[in-house]
Amino acid sequence: MNYFKELKVWQKAIDLVTKIYTKSQEFPKEELYGLTSQIRRSAVSIPSNIAEGCGRKTNKDFANFLGISLGLAFELETQLIIAKNLNFMNSDDFKILENEIHQIQNMIIKLQSTL
């Protein structure tokens, strides 16, 4: 049941959460309960749903939770676009995070296809 820790996609999503928290510390303080909070919640929910799906009894349930994680990855990407457009982060930092999100999205899709 704890094999989620062995999944590369879960490990990569955990690394992304750390980077998101670090980068979002630079956001304006008045955004702490706005966009900063939403971005952090989305990021944390990606590996959390992967782990929760691993704890389910069927592949169908796991695939459902992977679908939720995939949706959250797209949500996070959208929120980061907004943050970049508001100049809360520079284009280089955005591109790095966007690339990592795309890798996670692709990994989730591939994992779903194996179930």
Protein backbone atom coordinates (compact mmCIF):
# COMPACT_ATOMS: atom_id res chain seq x y z
CA MET A 1 0.00 0.00 0.00
CA ASN A 2 2.90 2.42 0.57
CA TYR A 3 4.40 1.88 -2.85
CA PHE A 4 3.38 5.42 -3.84
CA LYS A 5 6.74 6.54 -2.43
CA GLU A 6 8.43 4.49 -5.14
CA LEU A 7 6.51 6.13 -7.99
CA LYS A 8 8.70 8.56 -9.94
CA VAL A 9 5.69 10.78 -10.62
CA TRP A 10 4.96 11.09 -6.89
CA GLN A 11 8.63 11.87 -6.16
CA LYS A 12 8.71 14.51 -8.92
CA ALA A 13 5.45 16.04 -7.64
CA ILE A 14 6.90 16.24 -4.11
CA ASP A 15 9.95 18.05 -5.51
CA LEU A 16 7.63 20.44 -7.34
CA VAL A 17 5.79 21.26 -4.09
CA THR A 18 9.08 22.26 -2.48
CA LYS A 19 9.94 24.51 -5.42
CA ILE A 20 6.47 26.05 -5.43
CA TYR A 21 6.68 26.88 -1.72
CA THR A 22 10.13 28.39 -2.17
CA LYS A 23 9.15 30.47 -5.20
CA SER A 24 5.82 31.61 -3.75
CA GLN A 25 7.60 33.05 -0.70
CA GLU A 26 8.61 35.87 -3.04
CA PHE A 27 4.99 36.72 -3.92
CA PRO A 28 3.49 39.90 -2.45
CA LYS A 29 2.43 39.49 1.18
CA GLU A 30 -1.11 40.66 0.36
CA GLU A 31 -1.44 37.52 -1.81
CA LEU A 32 -0.76 35.16 1.09
CA TYR A 33 -4.45 34.25 1.41
CA GLY A 34 -5.14 34.65 -2.30
CA LEU A 35 -3.11 33.33 -5.19
CA THR A 36 -0.19 32.17 -3.01
CA SER A 37 -2.46 29.97 -0.93
CA GLN A 38 -4.28 28.60 -3.97
CA ILE A 39 -1.05 27.75 -5.80
CA ARG A 40 0.32 25.96 -2.74
CA ARG A 41 -2.91 23.98 -2.22
CA SER A 42 -2.97 22.89 -5.85
CA ALA A 43 0.67 21.83 -5.74
CA VAL A 44 0.26 19.86 -2.50
CA SER A 45 -2.86 18.14 -3.81
CA ILE A 46 -1.08 16.61 -6.82
CA PRO A 47 1.13 14.13 -4.89
CA SER A 48 -1.52 13.79 -2.19
CA ASN A 49 -4.06 12.45 -4.67
CA ILE A 50 -1.50 10.12 -6.21
CA ALA A 51 -0.80 8.70 -2.74
CA GLU A 52 -4.48 8.45 -1.88
CA GLY A 53 -5.17 6.65 -5.14
CA CYS A 54 -2.47 4.11 -4.32
CA GLY A 55 -4.33 3.33 -1.13
CA ARG A 56 -7.52 2.43 -2.95
CA LYS A 57 -8.50 -1.15 -3.67
CA THR A 58 -8.97 -1.05 -7.43
CA ASN A 59 -7.12 0.21 -10.47
CA LYS A 60 -10.29 2.08 -11.44
CA ASP A 61 -10.16 4.03 -8.17
CA PHE A 62 -6.45 4.68 -8.61
CA ALA A 63 -7.04 5.91 -12.17
CA ASN A 64 -9.73 8.26 -10.86
CA PHE A 65 -7.33 9.82 -8.34
CA LEU A 66 -4.68 10.11 -11.05
CA GLY A 67 -7.27 11.99 -13.09
CA ILE A 68 -7.80 14.36 -10.19
CA SER A 69 -4.03 14.86 -9.91
CA LEU A 70 -3.83 15.58 -13.62
CA GLY A 71 -6.59 18.18 -13.34
CA LEU A 72 -4.78 19.78 -10.42
CA ALA A 73 -1.59 19.95 -12.46
CA PHE A 74 -3.45 21.88 -15.15
CA GLU A 75 -4.99 24.08 -12.45
CA LEU A 76 -1.54 24.79 -11.02
CA GLU A 77 -0.19 25.62 -14.47
CA THR A 78 -3.04 28.11 -14.96
CA GLN A 79 -2.38 29.73 -11.59
CA LEU A 80 1.31 30.09 -12.38
CA ILE A 81 0.45 31.77 -15.69
CA ILE A 82 -1.61 34.27 -13.70
CA ALA A 83 1.26 34.80 -11.25
CA LYS A 84 3.67 35.39 -14.15
CA ASN A 85 1.25 37.81 -15.81
CA LEU A 86 0.99 39.73 -12.54
CA ASN A 87 4.82 39.85 -12.39
CA PHE A 88 4.95 37.77 -9.21
CA MET A 89 7.64 35.66 -10.93
CA ASN A 90 9.94 36.15 -13.86
CA SER A 91 9.65 34.29 -17.15
CA ASP A 92 12.69 32.08 -16.50
CA ASP A 93 11.33 30.80 -13.18
CA PHE A 94 7.93 30.28 -14.77
CA LYS A 95 9.40 28.26 -17.65
CA ILE A 96 11.28 25.98 -15.24
CA LEU A 97 8.14 25.29 -13.20
CA GLU A 98 5.99 24.94 -16.31
CA ASN A 99 8.40 22.36 -17.73
CA GLU A 100 8.26 20.34 -14.51
CA ILE A 101 4.47 20.49 -14.50
CA HIS A 102 4.37 19.25 -18.10
CA GLN A 103 6.64 16.35 -17.18
CA ILE A 104 4.34 15.43 -14.29
CA GLN A 105 1.26 15.71 -16.50
CA ASN A 106 2.83 13.35 -19.04
CA MET A 107 3.89 10.91 -16.34
CA ILE A 108 0.37 10.83 -14.89
CA ILE A 109 -1.13 10.20 -18.33
CA LYS A 110 1.32 7.34 -18.96
CA LEU A 111 0.63 5.82 -15.54
CA GLN A 112 -3.11 6.02 -16.15
CA SER A 113 -2.69 4.17 -19.44
CA THR A 114 -1.06 1.23 -17.64
CA LEU A 115 -4.03 0.67 -15.34
